[in-house]
Amino acid sequence: MLYKGVKYEYEEWKTYDGEQASAFYCRDKELLKEYMTVQFGAKTLDEMHEKIDYYLSNIEQEKANRKLREKAAQEFYTSMSENKGD
């Protein structure tokens, strides 16, 4: 399935107690490359479209957040002594 150029899938399975279940999953690597996730899911088609819209609309903010997290981690490790405790 495709929405605004983003690939996602519909999946069905049986739960541990034999009930039928289903959901939509997005694992689009191009969409998620700036996010710290490899997939997300939704119960309905409308919810999946809303989530894809959210991810598409917030890519620039996520890039800025990622740079900030990376800078914070770099400063943290730079400030540590020789014994990092790992």
N, C-alpha and C. Protein backbone atom coordinates (compact mmCIF):
# COMPACT_ATOMS: atom_id res chain seq x y z
N MET A 1 0.85 -1.17 0.00
CA MET A 1 0.00 0.00 0.00
C MET A 1 0.89 1.23 0.00
N LEU A 2 0.36 2.31 -0.53
CA LEU A 2 1.14 3.54 -0.66
C LEU A 2 0.27 4.75 -0.33
N TYR A 3 0.81 5.67 0.46
CA TYR A 3 0.13 6.92 0.79
C TYR A 3 1.17 8.02 0.79
N LYS A 4 0.99 9.01 -0.07
CA LYS A 4 1.92 10.13 -0.21
C LYS A 4 3.36 9.65 -0.41
N GLY A 5 3.52 8.57 -1.16
CA GLY A 5 4.84 8.03 -1.44
C GLY A 5 5.44 7.18 -0.35
N VAL A 6 4.69 6.92 0.71
CA VAL A 6 5.17 6.15 1.85
C VAL A 6 4.54 4.75 1.80
N LYS A 7 5.37 3.73 1.89
CA LYS A 7 4.90 2.35 1.87
C LYS A 7 4.46 1.91 3.26
N TYR A 8 3.35 1.18 3.30
CA TYR A 8 2.88 0.56 4.54
C TYR A 8 2.14 -0.71 4.17
N GLU A 9 1.89 -1.55 5.17
CA GLU A 9 1.27 -2.86 4.94
C GLU A 9 0.12 -3.09 5.89
N TYR A 10 -0.81 -3.90 5.43
CA TYR A 10 -1.90 -4.38 6.28
C TYR A 10 -1.56 -5.81 6.66
N GLU A 11 -1.65 -6.13 7.94
CA GLU A 11 -1.31 -7.47 8.41
C GLU A 11 -2.44 -8.04 9.26
N GLU A 12 -2.66 -9.33 9.13
CA GLU A 12 -3.63 -10.05 9.94
C GLU A 12 -2.93 -11.20 10.65
N TRP A 13 -3.39 -11.55 11.83
CA TRP A 13 -2.83 -12.65 12.60
C TRP A 13 -3.85 -13.12 13.62
N LYS A 14 -3.55 -14.22 14.25
CA LYS A 14 -4.39 -14.73 15.34
C LYS A 14 -3.67 -14.48 16.66
N THR A 15 -4.40 -14.04 17.63
CA THR A 15 -3.83 -13.79 18.95
C THR A 15 -3.59 -15.11 19.67
N TYR A 16 -2.97 -15.03 20.83
CA TYR A 16 -2.65 -16.23 21.61
C TYR A 16 -3.89 -17.06 21.93
N ASP A 17 -5.06 -16.39 22.03
CA ASP A 17 -6.28 -17.12 22.37
C ASP A 17 -7.17 -17.40 21.14
N GLY A 18 -6.57 -17.26 19.94
CA GLY A 18 -7.28 -17.64 18.72
C GLY A 18 -8.13 -16.56 18.09
N GLU A 19 -8.14 -15.38 18.66
CA GLU A 19 -8.92 -14.28 18.09
C GLU A 19 -8.22 -13.71 16.86
N GLN A 20 -9.02 -13.31 15.88
CA GLN A 20 -8.46 -12.67 14.68
C GLN A 20 -8.10 -11.22 15.03
N ALA A 21 -6.92 -10.76 14.58
CA ALA A 21 -6.47 -9.39 14.82
C ALA A 21 -5.86 -8.85 13.53
N SER A 22 -5.81 -7.52 13.44
CA SER A 22 -5.23 -6.89 12.25
C SER A 22 -4.77 -5.48 12.59
N ALA A 23 -3.85 -4.99 11.77
CA ALA A 23 -3.34 -3.63 11.93
C ALA A 23 -2.56 -3.24 10.69
N PHE A 24 -2.27 -1.96 10.58
CA PHE A 24 -1.44 -1.43 9.51
C PHE A 24 -0.06 -1.14 10.11
N TYR A 25 1.00 -1.45 9.35
CA TYR A 25 2.36 -1.18 9.81
C TYR A 25 3.15 -0.46 8.73
N CYS A 26 3.91 0.53 9.15
CA CYS A 26 4.79 1.26 8.25
C CYS A 26 6.23 0.98 8.67
N ARG A 27 7.03 0.51 7.71
CA ARG A 27 8.46 0.26 7.94
C ARG A 27 9.29 0.96 6.86
N ASP A 28 8.76 2.05 6.33
CA ASP A 28 9.40 2.77 5.23
C ASP A 28 10.71 3.40 5.69
N LYS A 29 11.83 2.84 5.24
CA LYS A 29 13.15 3.29 5.71
C LYS A 29 13.41 4.75 5.35
N GLU A 30 12.97 5.18 4.19
CA GLU A 30 13.21 6.58 3.78
C GLU A 30 12.47 7.55 4.70
N LEU A 31 11.23 7.25 5.04
CA LEU A 31 10.46 8.10 5.95
C LEU A 31 11.06 8.11 7.35
N LEU A 32 11.50 6.95 7.83
CA LEU A 32 11.90 6.82 9.23
C LEU A 32 13.38 7.04 9.49
N LYS A 33 14.15 7.36 8.46
CA LYS A 33 15.60 7.45 8.66
C LYS A 33 16.01 8.53 9.66
N GLU A 34 15.24 9.58 9.81
CA GLU A 34 15.56 10.63 10.78
C GLU A 34 14.98 10.36 12.16
N TYR A 35 14.08 9.40 12.25
CA TYR A 35 13.42 9.09 13.51
C TYR A 35 14.13 7.92 14.18
N MET A 36 14.00 7.83 15.47
CA MET A 36 14.66 6.75 16.20
C MET A 36 13.68 5.58 16.37
N THR A 37 13.13 5.16 15.23
CA THR A 37 12.23 4.01 15.20
C THR A 37 12.36 3.32 13.85
N VAL A 38 12.02 2.07 13.81
CA VAL A 38 12.09 1.33 12.54
C VAL A 38 10.71 1.02 12.00
N GLN A 39 9.68 1.19 12.83
CA GLN A 39 8.32 0.95 12.37
C GLN A 39 7.33 1.61 13.31
N PHE A 40 6.11 1.78 12.82
CA PHE A 40 5.00 2.18 13.67
C PHE A 40 3.74 1.55 13.14
N GLY A 41 2.75 1.42 13.99
CA GLY A 41 1.52 0.76 13.60
C GLY A 41 0.30 1.61 13.86
N ALA A 42 -0.82 1.19 13.28
CA ALA A 42 -2.10 1.87 13.46
C ALA A 42 -3.22 0.85 13.33
N LYS A 43 -4.30 1.07 14.05
CA LYS A 43 -5.43 0.14 14.01
C LYS A 43 -6.30 0.33 12.77
N THR A 44 -6.39 1.57 12.28
CA THR A 44 -7.26 1.86 11.15
C THR A 44 -6.48 2.53 10.02
N LEU A 45 -7.06 2.51 8.84
CA LEU A 45 -6.45 3.16 7.69
C LEU A 45 -6.35 4.67 7.91
N ASP A 46 -7.39 5.29 8.45
CA ASP A 46 -7.35 6.73 8.73
C ASP A 46 -6.26 7.07 9.73
N GLU A 47 -6.11 6.24 10.76
CA GLU A 47 -5.07 6.48 11.76
C GLU A 47 -3.68 6.35 11.13
N MET A 48 -3.50 5.39 10.23
CA MET A 48 -2.21 5.24 9.54
C MET A 48 -1.92 6.47 8.71
N HIS A 49 -2.90 6.97 7.98
CA HIS A 49 -2.69 8.16 7.17
C HIS A 49 -2.35 9.37 8.04
N GLU A 50 -3.01 9.50 9.18
CA GLU A 50 -2.70 10.59 10.11
C GLU A 50 -1.27 10.49 10.62
N LYS A 51 -0.84 9.29 10.96
CA LYS A 51 0.52 9.11 11.47
C LYS A 51 1.56 9.39 10.39
N ILE A 52 1.30 8.93 9.17
CA ILE A 52 2.22 9.23 8.07
C ILE A 52 2.31 10.74 7.86
N ASP A 53 1.16 11.42 7.88
CA ASP A 53 1.16 12.88 7.74
C ASP A 53 2.00 13.53 8.83
N TYR A 54 1.85 13.03 10.07
CA TYR A 54 2.64 13.57 11.19
C TYR A 54 4.13 13.39 10.94
N TYR A 55 4.54 12.18 10.59
CA TYR A 55 5.96 11.91 10.35
C TYR A 55 6.49 12.78 9.21
N LEU A 56 5.71 12.92 8.14
CA LEU A 56 6.16 13.75 7.01
C LEU A 56 6.28 15.22 7.41
N SER A 57 5.35 15.70 8.22
CA SER A 57 5.32 17.11 8.61
C SER A 57 6.39 17.48 9.62
N ASN A 58 6.94 16.51 10.34
CA ASN A 58 7.86 16.80 11.43
C ASN A 58 9.30 16.36 11.18
N ILE A 59 9.65 16.08 9.94
CA ILE A 59 11.00 15.61 9.63
C ILE A 59 12.06 16.64 10.01
N GLU A 60 11.85 17.90 9.68
CA GLU A 60 12.86 18.93 9.98
C GLU A 60 13.05 19.09 11.49
N GLN A 61 11.96 19.04 12.25
CA GLN A 61 12.07 19.15 13.71
C GLN A 61 12.81 17.93 14.27
N GLU A 62 12.53 16.76 13.71
CA GLU A 62 13.20 15.55 14.18
C GLU A 62 14.69 15.59 13.86
N LYS A 63 15.06 16.15 12.70
CA LYS A 63 16.48 16.30 12.36
C LYS A 63 17.17 17.18 13.41
N ALA A 64 16.52 18.28 13.78
CA ALA A 64 17.08 19.18 14.79
C ALA A 64 17.18 18.47 16.14
N ASN A 65 16.16 17.72 16.51
CA ASN A 65 16.18 16.98 17.78
C ASN A 65 17.30 15.95 17.79
N ARG A 66 17.49 15.27 16.68
CA ARG A 66 18.53 14.24 16.59
C ARG A 66 19.92 14.87 16.75
N LYS A 67 20.15 16.01 16.09
CA LYS A 67 21.43 16.71 16.23
C LYS A 67 21.66 17.12 17.67
N LEU A 68 20.62 17.58 18.32
CA LEU A 68 20.72 18.00 19.72
C LEU A 68 21.06 16.80 20.62
N ARG A 69 20.40 15.65 20.39
CA ARG A 69 20.70 14.45 21.18
C ARG A 69 22.14 14.00 20.95
N GLU A 70 22.59 14.03 19.69
CA GLU A 70 23.95 13.61 19.38
C GLU A 70 24.98 14.55 20.02
N LYS A 71 24.69 15.84 20.00
CA LYS A 71 25.60 16.82 20.62
C LYS A 71 25.66 16.60 22.13
N ALA A 72 24.51 16.36 22.74
CA ALA A 72 24.47 16.13 24.19
C ALA A 72 25.26 14.87 24.55
N ALA A 73 25.11 13.82 23.77
CA ALA A 73 25.85 12.59 24.04
C ALA A 73 27.35 12.82 23.88
N GLN A 74 27.74 13.55 22.84
CA GLN A 74 29.15 13.84 22.61
C GLN A 74 29.73 14.64 23.77
N GLU A 75 29.01 15.65 24.22
CA GLU A 75 29.50 16.47 25.34
C GLU A 75 29.59 15.64 26.62
N PHE A 76 28.63 14.75 26.83
CA PHE A 76 28.64 13.91 28.01
C PHE A 76 29.89 13.02 28.02
N TYR A 77 30.14 12.33 26.91
CA TYR A 77 31.30 11.43 26.87
C TYR A 77 32.62 12.20 26.90
N THR A 78 32.65 13.38 26.33
CA THR A 78 33.85 14.19 26.37
C THR A 78 34.16 14.63 27.79
N SER A 79 33.12 14.88 28.58
CA SER A 79 33.31 15.36 29.94
C SER A 79 33.69 14.26 30.92
N MET A 80 33.56 13.03 30.52
CA MET A 80 33.86 11.92 31.43
C MET A 80 35.36 11.68 31.51
N SER A 81 35.76 11.07 32.62
CA SER A 81 37.18 10.73 32.79
C SER A 81 37.52 9.48 31.97
N GLU A 82 38.75 9.01 32.09
CA GLU A 82 39.19 7.82 31.37
C GLU A 82 38.30 6.62 31.69
N ASN A 83 37.88 6.47 32.93
CA ASN A 83 37.05 5.34 33.34
C ASN A 83 35.59 5.70 33.12
N LYS A 84 35.00 5.19 32.05
CA LYS A 84 33.63 5.52 31.71
C LYS A 84 32.63 4.61 32.39
N GLY A 85 33.11 3.57 33.04
CA GLY A 85 32.22 2.69 33.75
C GLY A 85 31.60 1.61 32.88
N ASP A 86 32.08 1.49 31.60
CA ASP A 86 31.51 0.44 30.77
C ASP A 86 32.46 -0.68 30.53
